[in-house]
Amino acid sequence: MTAEWPGLHPQARALLLAATDEGDPPSLEADRAAYLDTTLQLGGAAEPVAGVEDVLVPRGEERIPAGLYLPQHEADTDTLIVWLHGGGWYVGDIPTFDRVARSLANAAGAKVMMLDYRLAPEHCFPAQTHDAIAAVAWARGEAGAQRLGIDPARVIVGGDSAGGQLAAVAVRAARTDGLPAPAAQLLVYPALDPRMESASYAEYADGPMLTREDMEQCWARYLDGREPGESAVLEAGDHAGLPPTWIAVAGHDPLRDDGLRYAEVLRAAGVPVQQRVFDDMVHGFLRWGGVADRARELLDWLGDAARATVS
């Protein structure tokens, strides 16, 4: 399988060679359990943090569960990263991304709020975007900032893959909610093109790791036949006024060009953008801190970005 993909990092190649193709999981529950199990196997040891708190984020009369991670040596920081996890809008949760949240909190010296947003197919578009927008607004409002112990002007929004798309949508919505603007957005291989028309989708249609067919299924579950609307971030107009943006992508990834194209349109709109291409990596490596050195590099890069934003 990997012989077709020259240029892969040896650790990524070894991981792919060790993977076994057991076919599609027999149920949605099994799919979610397998996603968590893979993350636990590859994520490495969980970094110690100063504390983890349960948080309930208001969304109208309902509440969205979230986890608040306090960095090990800067527990009283007034900086917050709202992180929207990946998983194709249908898998993933706080336990799956616990190691990412811990490492990111310590790398950034910031609190990290990991949102347990609603998942498809039980809840389809726009439920996930509504959860993300509500959480980002709440953190920047008086009640949220007081509960979290943060400065509303020092809120950073980020996410990976499907969560990168939710982060981008929430940051766009924040321009008109009358609250302090997000200090920055941090996007890791974001999924921004429901039409899947880029060169990287053609080049990496068969993987490795993530395929075009995988993404077709993810978008189909998420949109459930609805027009993409605000989810099609690359097709949206008026990118002016967005905060400084950091975008990281993997070189061997159908989503590579989603992130690179977004960097281009943001720069054209006058938005400061920093980008990093991990040429020898595949989709999902943020969660592989136990087996991929590049995951640590990515987390450190995100941490440096957060520190630079609010310094």
C-alpha atoms as a PDB file:
ATOM      1  CA  MET A   1       0.000   0.000   0.000  1.00  0.00           C
ATOM      2  CA  THR A   2       2.578   2.564   1.074  1.00  0.00           C
ATOM      3  CA  ALA A   3       4.993   1.645  -1.719  1.00  0.00           C
ATOM      4  CA  GLU A   4       2.816   3.768  -3.973  1.00  0.00           C
ATOM      5  CA  TRP A   5       3.511   6.865  -1.878  1.00  0.00           C
ATOM      6  CA  PRO A   6       7.169   7.887  -1.985  1.00  0.00           C
ATOM      7  CA  GLY A   7       8.208  10.612   0.407  1.00  0.00           C
ATOM      8  CA  LEU A   8       6.330   9.392   3.468  1.00  0.00           C
ATOM      9  CA  HIS A   9       8.035   9.835   6.818  1.00  0.00           C
ATOM     10  CA  PRO A  10       9.437   6.469   7.975  1.00  0.00           C
ATOM     11  CA  GLN A  11       7.223   6.568  11.057  1.00  0.00           C
ATOM     12  CA  ALA A  12       4.117   7.163   8.962  1.00  0.00           C
ATOM     13  CA  ARG A  13       5.149   4.390   6.571  1.00  0.00           C
ATOM     14  CA  ALA A  14       5.682   1.952   9.453  1.00  0.00           C
ATOM     15  CA  LEU A  15       2.296   2.848  10.879  1.00  0.00           C
ATOM     16  CA  LEU A  16       0.546   2.200   7.576  1.00  0.00           C
ATOM     17  CA  LEU A  17       2.386  -1.078   7.044  1.00  0.00           C
ATOM     18  CA  ALA A  18       1.306  -2.240  10.499  1.00  0.00           C
ATOM     19  CA  ALA A  19      -2.329  -1.370   9.875  1.00  0.00           C
ATOM     20  CA  THR A  20      -4.697  -4.191   9.027  1.00  0.00           C
ATOM     21  CA  ASP A  21      -7.698  -3.803   6.772  1.00  0.00           C
ATOM     22  CA  GLU A  22     -10.582  -5.456   8.583  1.00  0.00           C
ATOM     23  CA  GLY A  23     -13.240  -3.833   6.437  1.00  0.00           C
ATOM     24  CA  ASP A  24     -15.810  -1.309   7.546  1.00  0.00           C
ATOM     25  CA  PRO A  25     -16.905  -1.540  11.191  1.00  0.00           C
ATOM     26  CA  PRO A  26     -20.259  -3.322  11.501  1.00  0.00           C
ATOM     27  CA  SER A  27     -22.008  -0.369  13.148  1.00  0.00           C
ATOM     28  CA  LEU A  28     -21.684   3.314  13.913  1.00  0.00           C
ATOM     29  CA  GLU A  29     -20.947   2.465  17.547  1.00  0.00           C
ATOM     30  CA  ALA A  30     -18.155   0.131  16.471  1.00  0.00           C
ATOM     31  CA  ASP A  31     -16.756   2.811  14.169  1.00  0.00           C
ATOM     32  CA  ARG A  32     -16.631   5.319  17.008  1.00  0.00           C
ATOM     33  CA  ALA A  33     -15.104   2.788  19.369  1.00  0.00           C
ATOM     34  CA  ALA A  34     -12.420   1.893  16.808  1.00  0.00           C
ATOM     35  CA  TYR A  35     -11.556   5.584  16.328  1.00  0.00           C
ATOM     36  CA  LEU A  36     -11.066   5.978  20.076  1.00  0.00           C
ATOM     37  CA  ASP A  37      -9.103   2.732  20.353  1.00  0.00           C
ATOM     38  CA  THR A  38      -6.722   3.715  17.557  1.00  0.00           C
ATOM     39  CA  THR A  39      -6.107   7.080  19.192  1.00  0.00           C
ATOM     40  CA  LEU A  40      -5.362   5.488  22.557  1.00  0.00           C
ATOM     41  CA  GLN A  41      -2.922   3.064  20.914  1.00  0.00           C
ATOM     42  CA  LEU A  42      -1.054   5.745  18.961  1.00  0.00           C
ATOM     43  CA  GLY A  43      -1.431   8.778  21.197  1.00  0.00           C
ATOM     44  CA  GLY A  44       1.312   8.000  23.682  1.00  0.00           C
ATOM     45  CA  ALA A  45       1.313   8.909  27.353  1.00  0.00           C
ATOM     46  CA  ALA A  46      -1.125  11.572  28.481  1.00  0.00           C
ATOM     47  CA  GLU A  47       0.754  14.691  29.568  1.00  0.00           C
ATOM     48  CA  PRO A  48       0.058  15.849  33.114  1.00  0.00           C
ATOM     49  CA  VAL A  49      -1.889  19.093  33.383  1.00  0.00           C
ATOM     50  CA  ALA A  50      -2.857  21.223  36.354  1.00  0.00           C
ATOM     51  CA  GLY A  51      -6.453  20.075  36.127  1.00  0.00           C
ATOM     52  CA  VAL A  52      -9.355  19.067  33.920  1.00  0.00           C
ATOM     53  CA  GLU A  53     -12.823  20.455  34.614  1.00  0.00           C
ATOM     54  CA  ASP A  54     -16.222  19.577  33.238  1.00  0.00           C
ATOM     55  CA  VAL A  55     -17.977  22.550  31.653  1.00  0.00           C
ATOM     56  CA  LEU A  56     -21.503  22.979  30.311  1.00  0.00           C
ATOM     57  CA  VAL A  57     -21.708  25.516  27.503  1.00  0.00           C
ATOM     58  CA  PRO A  58     -25.127  27.153  26.989  1.00  0.00           C
ATOM     59  CA  ARG A  59     -26.811  26.823  23.616  1.00  0.00           C
ATOM     60  CA  GLY A  60     -30.209  28.406  24.079  1.00  0.00           C
ATOM     61  CA  GLU A  61     -32.000  26.343  26.725  1.00  0.00           C
ATOM     62  CA  GLU A  62     -29.691  23.369  26.189  1.00  0.00           C
ATOM     63  CA  ARG A  63     -26.113  22.697  27.295  1.00  0.00           C
ATOM     64  CA  ILE A  64     -23.090  21.375  25.375  1.00  0.00           C
ATOM     65  CA  PRO A  65     -20.571  19.293  27.368  1.00  0.00           C
ATOM     66  CA  ALA A  66     -16.957  20.416  27.233  1.00  0.00           C
ATOM     67  CA  GLY A  67     -13.681  19.716  28.993  1.00  0.00           C
ATOM     68  CA  LEU A  68     -11.498  22.550  30.283  1.00  0.00           C
ATOM     69  CA  TYR A  69      -7.783  21.721  30.458  1.00  0.00           C
ATOM     70  CA  LEU A  70      -5.473  23.850  32.633  1.00  0.00           C
ATOM     71  CA  PRO A  71      -1.813  23.913  31.564  1.00  0.00           C
ATOM     72  CA  GLN A  72       0.630  22.290  33.950  1.00  0.00           C
ATOM     73  CA  HIS A  73       2.756  25.330  34.782  1.00  0.00           C
ATOM     74  CA  GLU A  74       0.393  28.199  33.898  1.00  0.00           C
ATOM     75  CA  ALA A  75      -2.929  27.134  35.394  1.00  0.00           C
ATOM     76  CA  ASP A  76      -4.004  30.719  36.085  1.00  0.00           C
ATOM     77  CA  THR A  77      -3.506  31.886  32.486  1.00  0.00           C
ATOM     78  CA  ASP A  78      -6.240  34.108  31.082  1.00  0.00           C
ATOM     79  CA  THR A  79      -5.793  32.771  27.534  1.00  0.00           C
ATOM     80  CA  LEU A  80      -8.198  30.178  26.147  1.00  0.00           C
ATOM     81  CA  ILE A  81      -8.119  27.964  23.070  1.00  0.00           C
ATOM     82  CA  VAL A  82     -11.539  26.677  22.024  1.00  0.00           C
ATOM     83  CA  TRP A  83     -10.727  23.457  20.158  1.00  0.00           C
ATOM     84  CA  LEU A  84     -13.134  21.684  17.793  1.00  0.00           C
ATOM     85  CA  HIS A  85     -12.022  18.089  17.296  1.00  0.00           C
ATOM     86  CA  GLY A  86     -11.829  16.160  14.053  1.00  0.00           C
ATOM     87  CA  GLY A  87     -13.566  12.936  13.092  1.00  0.00           C
ATOM     88  CA  GLY A  88     -15.578  13.647   9.965  1.00  0.00           C
ATOM     89  CA  TRP A  89     -18.415  15.240  11.961  1.00  0.00           C
ATOM     90  CA  TYR A  90     -19.557  11.759  13.046  1.00  0.00           C
ATOM     91  CA  VAL A  91     -16.836  10.279  15.292  1.00  0.00           C
ATOM     92  CA  GLY A  92     -14.597  11.722  17.985  1.00  0.00           C
ATOM     93  CA  ASP A  93     -15.222  13.116  21.445  1.00  0.00           C
ATOM     94  CA  ILE A  94     -13.407  14.470  24.495  1.00  0.00           C
ATOM     95  CA  PRO A  95     -11.791  11.124  25.498  1.00  0.00           C
ATOM     96  CA  THR A  96     -10.528  10.640  21.941  1.00  0.00           C
ATOM     97  CA  PHE A  97      -8.825  14.039  21.911  1.00  0.00           C
ATOM     98  CA  ASP A  98      -7.842  14.164  25.580  1.00  0.00           C
ATOM     99  CA  ARG A  99      -4.132  13.751  24.796  1.00  0.00           C
ATOM    100  CA  VAL A 100      -4.257  16.468  22.140  1.00  0.00           C
ATOM    101  CA  ALA A 101      -5.947  18.871  24.575  1.00  0.00           C
ATOM    102  CA  ARG A 102      -3.389  18.191  27.293  1.00  0.00           C
ATOM    103  CA  SER A 103      -0.398  18.612  25.016  1.00  0.00           C
ATOM    104  CA  LEU A 104      -1.827  21.719  23.383  1.00  0.00           C
ATOM    105  CA  ALA A 105      -2.578  23.347  26.735  1.00  0.00           C
ATOM    106  CA  ASN A 106       0.996  22.810  27.900  1.00  0.00           C
ATOM    107  CA  ALA A 107       2.564  23.839  24.591  1.00  0.00           C
ATOM    108  CA  ALA A 108       0.508  27.040  24.396  1.00  0.00           C
ATOM    109  CA  GLY A 109       0.498  27.898  28.096  1.00  0.00           C
ATOM    110  CA  ALA A 110      -3.254  28.362  27.607  1.00  0.00           C
ATOM    111  CA  LYS A 111      -6.433  26.787  28.850  1.00  0.00           C
ATOM    112  CA  VAL A 112      -8.012  24.521  26.259  1.00  0.00           C
ATOM    113  CA  MET A 113     -11.759  23.969  26.052  1.00  0.00           C
ATOM    114  CA  MET A 114     -12.540  20.805  24.091  1.00  0.00           C
ATOM    115  CA  LEU A 115     -16.145  20.901  22.925  1.00  0.00           C
ATOM    116  CA  ASP A 116     -18.211  17.711  22.749  1.00  0.00           C
ATOM    117  CA  TYR A 117     -20.367  19.002  19.901  1.00  0.00           C
ATOM    118  CA  ARG A 118     -23.253  17.012  18.445  1.00  0.00           C
ATOM    119  CA  LEU A 119     -22.377  14.352  15.876  1.00  0.00           C
ATOM    120  CA  ALA A 120     -23.930  13.094  12.666  1.00  0.00           C
ATOM    121  CA  PRO A 121     -25.962  11.192  11.668  1.00  0.00           C
ATOM    122  CA  GLU A 122     -28.009  11.728  14.828  1.00  0.00           C
ATOM    123  CA  HIS A 123     -27.519  15.466  14.342  1.00  0.00           C
ATOM    124  CA  CYS A 124     -26.657  16.818  10.901  1.00  0.00           C
ATOM    125  CA  PHE A 125     -25.742  20.216   9.522  1.00  0.00           C
ATOM    126  CA  PRO A 126     -26.159  22.846  10.834  1.00  0.00           C
ATOM    127  CA  ALA A 127     -26.216  21.368  14.375  1.00  0.00           C
ATOM    128  CA  GLN A 128     -22.428  21.131  14.625  1.00  0.00           C
ATOM    129  CA  THR A 129     -21.889  24.683  13.392  1.00  0.00           C
ATOM    130  CA  HIS A 130     -24.493  25.982  15.830  1.00  0.00           C
ATOM    131  CA  ASP A 131     -22.661  24.276  18.695  1.00  0.00           C
ATOM    132  CA  ALA A 132     -19.317  25.698  17.596  1.00  0.00           C
ATOM    133  CA  ILE A 133     -20.665  29.215  17.127  1.00  0.00           C
ATOM    134  CA  ALA A 134     -22.415  29.105  20.510  1.00  0.00           C
ATOM    135  CA  ALA A 135     -19.279  27.932  22.312  1.00  0.00           C
ATOM    136  CA  VAL A 136     -17.025  30.542  20.744  1.00  0.00           C
ATOM    137  CA  ALA A 137     -19.512  33.302  21.528  1.00  0.00           C
ATOM    138  CA  TRP A 138     -20.049  32.118  25.117  1.00  0.00           C
ATOM    139  CA  ALA A 139     -16.306  32.044  25.844  1.00  0.00           C
ATOM    140  CA  ARG A 140     -16.013  35.647  24.648  1.00  0.00           C
ATOM    141  CA  GLY A 141     -19.023  36.835  26.640  1.00  0.00           C
ATOM    142  CA  GLU A 142     -19.078  37.971  30.246  1.00  0.00           C
ATOM    143  CA  ALA A 143     -20.636  34.809  31.703  1.00  0.00           C
ATOM    144  CA  GLY A 144     -18.348  32.434  29.845  1.00  0.00           C
ATOM    145  CA  ALA A 145     -15.184  34.399  30.531  1.00  0.00           C
ATOM    146  CA  GLN A 146     -16.022  34.527  34.234  1.00  0.00           C
ATOM    147  CA  ARG A 147     -16.713  30.796  34.416  1.00  0.00           C
ATOM    148  CA  LEU A 148     -13.532  29.939  32.537  1.00  0.00           C
ATOM    149  CA  GLY A 149     -11.341  32.541  34.240  1.00  0.00           C
ATOM    150  CA  ILE A 150     -10.125  34.061  30.996  1.00  0.00           C
ATOM    151  CA  ASP A 151      -9.884  37.376  29.175  1.00  0.00           C
ATOM    152  CA  PRO A 152     -12.515  37.545  26.391  1.00  0.00           C
ATOM    153  CA  ALA A 153      -9.956  39.315  24.187  1.00  0.00           C
ATOM    154  CA  ARG A 154      -7.535  36.381  24.541  1.00  0.00           C
ATOM    155  CA  VAL A 155      -9.707  33.652  23.045  1.00  0.00           C
ATOM    156  CA  ILE A 156      -8.188  31.613  20.224  1.00  0.00           C
ATOM    157  CA  VAL A 157     -10.284  29.257  18.104  1.00  0.00           C
ATOM    158  CA  GLY A 158      -8.889  26.127  16.519  1.00  0.00           C
ATOM    159  CA  GLY A 159      -9.697  22.713  15.183  1.00  0.00           C
ATOM    160  CA  ASP A 160      -8.490  19.799  13.090  1.00  0.00           C
ATOM    161  CA  SER A 161     -10.068  18.265   9.990  1.00  0.00           C
ATOM    162  CA  ALA A 162     -13.865  18.507  10.374  1.00  0.00           C
ATOM    163  CA  GLY A 163     -13.232  20.538  13.505  1.00  0.00           C
ATOM    164  CA  GLY A 164     -11.087  22.907  11.454  1.00  0.00           C
ATOM    165  CA  GLN A 165     -14.113  23.557   9.285  1.00  0.00           C
ATOM    166  CA  LEU A 166     -16.263  24.214  12.368  1.00  0.00           C
ATOM    167  CA  ALA A 167     -13.608  26.551  13.763  1.00  0.00           C
ATOM    168  CA  ALA A 168     -13.450  28.508  10.514  1.00  0.00           C
ATOM    169  CA  VAL A 169     -17.241  28.856  10.424  1.00  0.00           C
ATOM    170  CA  ALA A 170     -17.388  29.970  14.062  1.00  0.00           C
ATOM    171  CA  VAL A 171     -14.655  32.568  13.553  1.00  0.00           C
ATOM    172  CA  ARG A 172     -16.475  33.971  10.537  1.00  0.00           C
ATOM    173  CA  ALA A 173     -19.687  34.236  12.581  1.00  0.00           C
ATOM    174  CA  ALA A 174     -17.821  36.008  15.392  1.00  0.00           C
ATOM    175  CA  ARG A 175     -17.269  39.064  13.213  1.00  0.00           C
ATOM    176  CA  THR A 176     -20.880  40.142  13.665  1.00  0.00           C
ATOM    177  CA  ASP A 177     -21.807  39.029  17.200  1.00  0.00           C
ATOM    178  CA  GLY A 178     -20.674  42.232  18.920  1.00  0.00           C
ATOM    179  CA  LEU A 179     -18.212  40.479  21.261  1.00  0.00           C
ATOM    180  CA  PRO A 180     -14.411  40.836  21.398  1.00  0.00           C
ATOM    181  CA  ALA A 181     -12.917  39.392  18.230  1.00  0.00           C
ATOM    182  CA  PRO A 182     -11.085  36.042  18.469  1.00  0.00           C
ATOM    183  CA  ALA A 183      -7.371  36.647  18.836  1.00  0.00           C
ATOM    184  CA  ALA A 184      -6.472  34.038  16.203  1.00  0.00           C
ATOM    185  CA  GLN A 185      -7.561  30.849  14.508  1.00  0.00           C
ATOM    186  CA  LEU A 186      -5.466  27.675  14.350  1.00  0.00           C
ATOM    187  CA  LEU A 187      -6.506  25.214  11.647  1.00  0.00           C
ATOM    188  CA  VAL A 188      -5.031  21.744  11.151  1.00  0.00           C
ATOM    189  CA  TYR A 189      -5.751  20.058   7.789  1.00  0.00           C
ATOM    190  CA  PRO A 190      -9.247  21.627   7.714  1.00  0.00           C
ATOM    191  CA  ALA A 191     -12.028  20.130   5.555  1.00  0.00           C
ATOM    192  CA  LEU A 192     -13.348  23.154   3.701  1.00  0.00           C
ATOM    193  CA  ASP A 193     -14.477  21.964   0.247  1.00  0.00           C
ATOM    194  CA  PRO A 194     -17.641  19.806   0.156  1.00  0.00           C
ATOM    195  CA  ARG A 195     -17.310  19.623  -3.647  1.00  0.00           C
ATOM    196  CA  MET A 196     -13.872  17.976  -3.299  1.00  0.00           C
ATOM    197  CA  GLU A 197     -12.573  19.522  -6.514  1.00  0.00           C
ATOM    198  CA  SER A 198      -8.930  20.241  -5.652  1.00  0.00           C
ATOM    199  CA  ALA A 199      -5.805  18.701  -7.141  1.00  0.00           C
ATOM    200  CA  SER A 200      -4.982  16.970  -3.862  1.00  0.00           C
ATOM    201  CA  TYR A 201      -8.345  15.198  -3.904  1.00  0.00           C
ATOM    202  CA  ALA A 202      -7.389  13.768  -7.292  1.00  0.00           C
ATOM    203  CA  GLU A 203      -3.787  12.993  -6.342  1.00  0.00           C
ATOM    204  CA  TYR A 204      -4.651  11.268  -3.072  1.00  0.00           C
ATOM    205  CA  ALA A 205      -8.060   9.857  -3.969  1.00  0.00           C
ATOM    206  CA  ASP A 206      -6.886   6.419  -2.796  1.00  0.00           C
ATOM    207  CA  GLY A 207      -5.051   7.584   0.319  1.00  0.00           C
ATOM    208  CA  PRO A 208      -2.868   6.799   2.135  1.00  0.00           C
ATOM    209  CA  MET A 209      -4.893   6.855   5.360  1.00  0.00           C
ATOM    210  CA  LEU A 210      -7.768   9.069   4.170  1.00  0.00           C
ATOM    211  CA  THR A 211      -9.414   8.584   0.768  1.00  0.00           C
ATOM    212  CA  ARG A 212     -11.786  10.599  -1.359  1.00  0.00           C
ATOM    213  CA  GLU A 213     -14.454   7.969  -0.712  1.00  0.00           C
ATOM    214  CA  ASP A 214     -13.979   8.444   3.024  1.00  0.00           C
ATOM    215  CA  MET A 215     -14.558  12.167   2.652  1.00  0.00           C
ATOM    216  CA  GLU A 216     -17.569  11.635   0.412  1.00  0.00           C
ATOM    217  CA  GLN A 217     -19.114   9.596   3.216  1.00  0.00           C
ATOM    218  CA  CYS A 218     -18.185  12.182   5.840  1.00  0.00           C
ATOM    219  CA  TRP A 219     -19.710  15.068   3.903  1.00  0.00           C
ATOM    220  CA  ALA A 220     -22.803  12.988   3.114  1.00  0.00           C
ATOM    221  CA  ARG A 221     -23.363  12.107   6.775  1.00  0.00           C
ATOM    222  CA  TYR A 222     -22.798  15.698   7.829  1.00  0.00           C
ATOM    223  CA  LEU A 223     -24.898  17.497   5.208  1.00  0.00           C
ATOM    224  CA  ASP A 224     -27.587  14.796   4.857  1.00  0.00           C
ATOM    225  CA  GLY A 225     -28.637  16.135   1.461  1.00  0.00           C
ATOM    226  CA  ARG A 226     -28.685  19.772   2.513  1.00  0.00           C
ATOM    227  CA  GLU A 227     -26.921  22.524   0.594  1.00  0.00           C
ATOM    228  CA  PRO A 228     -23.551  23.209   2.268  1.00  0.00           C
ATOM    229  CA  GLY A 229     -24.208  26.907   2.822  1.00  0.00           C
ATOM    230  CA  GLU A 230     -21.840  28.243   5.481  1.00  0.00           C
ATOM    231  CA  SER A 231     -19.960  24.919   5.568  1.00  0.00           C
ATOM    232  CA  ALA A 232     -18.432  25.671   2.165  1.00  0.00           C
ATOM    233  CA  VAL A 233     -15.938  28.109   3.636  1.00  0.00           C
ATOM    234  CA  LEU A 234     -13.867  28.355   0.470  1.00  0.00           C
ATOM    235  CA  GLU A 235     -16.918  29.476  -1.508  1.00  0.00           C
ATOM    236  CA  ALA A 236     -17.921  32.150   0.998  1.00  0.00           C
ATOM    237  CA  GLY A 237     -17.217  35.739   0.115  1.00  0.00           C
ATOM    238  CA  ASP A 238     -15.889  38.535   2.275  1.00  0.00           C
ATOM    239  CA  HIS A 239     -12.960  37.087   4.182  1.00  0.00           C
ATOM    240  CA  ALA A 240     -11.842  40.513   5.387  1.00  0.00           C
ATOM    241  CA  GLY A 241     -11.621  41.216   9.075  1.00  0.00           C
ATOM    242  CA  LEU A 242     -10.759  37.690  10.153  1.00  0.00           C
ATOM    243  CA  PRO A 243      -8.067  37.263  12.827  1.00  0.00           C
ATOM    244  CA  PRO A 244      -4.482  36.162  12.247  1.00  0.00           C
ATOM    245  CA  THR A 245      -4.539  32.574  11.041  1.00  0.00           C
ATOM    246  CA  TRP A 246      -2.185  29.603  11.284  1.00  0.00           C
ATOM    247  CA  ILE A 247      -2.862  26.686   8.943  1.00  0.00           C
ATOM    248  CA  ALA A 248      -1.052  23.327   9.009  1.00  0.00           C
ATOM    249  CA  VAL A 249      -1.593  20.612   6.406  1.00  0.00           C
ATOM    250  CA  ALA A 250      -0.232  17.152   5.655  1.00  0.00           C
ATOM    251  CA  GLY A 251       1.443  16.607   2.301  1.00  0.00           C
ATOM    252  CA  HIS A 252      -0.099  13.181   1.581  1.00  0.00           C
ATOM    253  CA  ASP A 253      -3.687  14.147   2.238  1.00  0.00           C
ATOM    254  CA  PRO A 254      -6.765  14.760   0.054  1.00  0.00           C
ATOM    255  CA  LEU A 255      -7.453  17.790   2.280  1.00  0.00           C
ATOM    256  CA  ARG A 256      -4.041  19.351   1.701  1.00  0.00           C
ATOM    257  CA  ASP A 257      -5.276  21.897  -0.828  1.00  0.00           C
ATOM    258  CA  ASP A 258      -8.315  22.871   1.276  1.00  0.00           C
ATOM    259  CA  GLY A 259      -5.963  24.442   3.795  1.00  0.00           C
ATOM    260  CA  LEU A 260      -3.572  25.886   1.218  1.00  0.00           C
ATOM    261  CA  ARG A 261      -6.399  27.422  -0.807  1.00  0.00           C
ATOM    262  CA  TYR A 262      -7.871  28.975   2.331  1.00  0.00           C
ATOM    263  CA  ALA A 263      -4.492  30.491   3.145  1.00  0.00           C
ATOM    264  CA  GLU A 264      -4.474  32.098  -0.315  1.00  0.00           C
ATOM    265  CA  VAL A 265      -7.945  33.611  -0.060  1.00  0.00           C
ATOM    266  CA  LEU A 266      -7.271  34.923   3.437  1.00  0.00           C
ATOM    267  CA  ARG A 267      -4.048  36.587   2.341  1.00  0.00           C
ATOM    268  CA  ALA A 268      -5.875  38.138  -0.613  1.00  0.00           C
ATOM    269  CA  ALA A 269      -8.339  39.609   1.904  1.00  0.00           C
ATOM    270  CA  GLY A 270      -5.525  41.125   3.964  1.00  0.00           C
ATOM    271  CA  VAL A 271      -5.571  38.546   6.762  1.00  0.00           C
ATOM    272  CA  PRO A 272      -2.142  37.671   8.239  1.00  0.00           C
ATOM    273  CA  VAL A 273      -1.525  33.967   7.576  1.00  0.00           C
ATOM    274  CA  GLN A 274       1.216  31.557   8.573  1.00  0.00           C
ATOM    275  CA  GLN A 275       1.196  28.113   6.982  1.00  0.00           C
ATOM    276  CA  ARG A 276       3.137  24.913   7.539  1.00  0.00           C
ATOM    277  CA  VAL A 277       3.151  21.926   5.222  1.00  0.00           C
ATOM    278  CA  PHE A 278       4.214  18.641   6.800  1.00  0.00           C
ATOM    279  CA  ASP A 279       5.190  17.183   3.424  1.00  0.00           C
ATOM    280  CA  ASP A 280       5.926  13.659   4.633  1.00  0.00           C
ATOM    281  CA  MET A 281       2.801  13.112   6.753  1.00  0.00           C
ATOM    282  CA  VAL A 282      -0.727  11.832   6.226  1.00  0.00           C
ATOM    283  CA  HIS A 283      -4.094  12.944   7.511  1.00  0.00           C
ATOM    284  CA  GLY A 284      -4.775  12.542  11.221  1.00  0.00           C
ATOM    285  CA  PHE A 285      -1.226  12.626  12.573  1.00  0.00           C
ATOM    286  CA  LEU A 286      -2.041  15.234  15.228  1.00  0.00           C
ATOM    287  CA  ARG A 287      -3.424  12.344  17.333  1.00  0.00           C
ATOM    288  CA  TRP A 288      -0.353  10.117  16.975  1.00  0.00           C
ATOM    289  CA  GLY A 289       1.980  11.625  19.541  1.00  0.00           C
ATOM    290  CA  GLY A 290       3.128   8.211  20.723  1.00  0.00           C
ATOM    291  CA  VAL A 291       4.450   7.048  17.362  1.00  0.00           C
ATOM    292  CA  ALA A 292       5.045  10.157  15.200  1.00  0.00           C
ATOM    293  CA  ASP A 293       7.620  12.792  16.105  1.00  0.00           C
ATOM    294  CA  ARG A 294       5.947  15.181  13.677  1.00  0.00           C
ATOM    295  CA  ALA A 295       2.874  15.253  15.927  1.00  0.00           C
ATOM    296  CA  ARG A 296       5.014  16.826  18.632  1.00  0.00           C
ATOM    297  CA  GLU A 297       6.386  19.311  16.093  1.00  0.00           C
ATOM    298  CA  LEU A 298       2.857  20.258  15.087  1.00  0.00           C
ATOM    299  CA  LEU A 299       1.715  20.729  18.679  1.00  0.00           C
ATOM    300  CA  ASP A 300       4.756  22.867  19.437  1.00  0.00           C
ATOM    301  CA  TRP A 301       4.059  24.948  16.313  1.00  0.00           C
ATOM    302  CA  LEU A 302       0.469  25.504  17.417  1.00  0.00           C
ATOM    303  CA  GLY A 303       1.648  26.365  20.914  1.00  0.00           C
ATOM    304  CA  ASP A 304       4.147  28.899  19.590  1.00  0.00           C
ATOM    305  CA  ALA A 305       1.405  30.409  17.425  1.00  0.00           C
ATOM    306  CA  ALA A 306      -0.907  30.812  20.409  1.00  0.00           C
ATOM    307  CA  ARG A 307       1.811  32.383  22.539  1.00  0.00           C
ATOM    308  CA  ALA A 308       2.800  34.798  19.763  1.00  0.00           C
ATOM    309  CA  THR A 309      -0.806  35.860  19.285  1.00  0.00           C
ATOM    310  CA  VAL A 310      -1.409  36.987  22.851  1.00  0.00           C
ATOM    311  CA  SER A 311       2.105  38.036  23.888  1.00  0.00           C
END
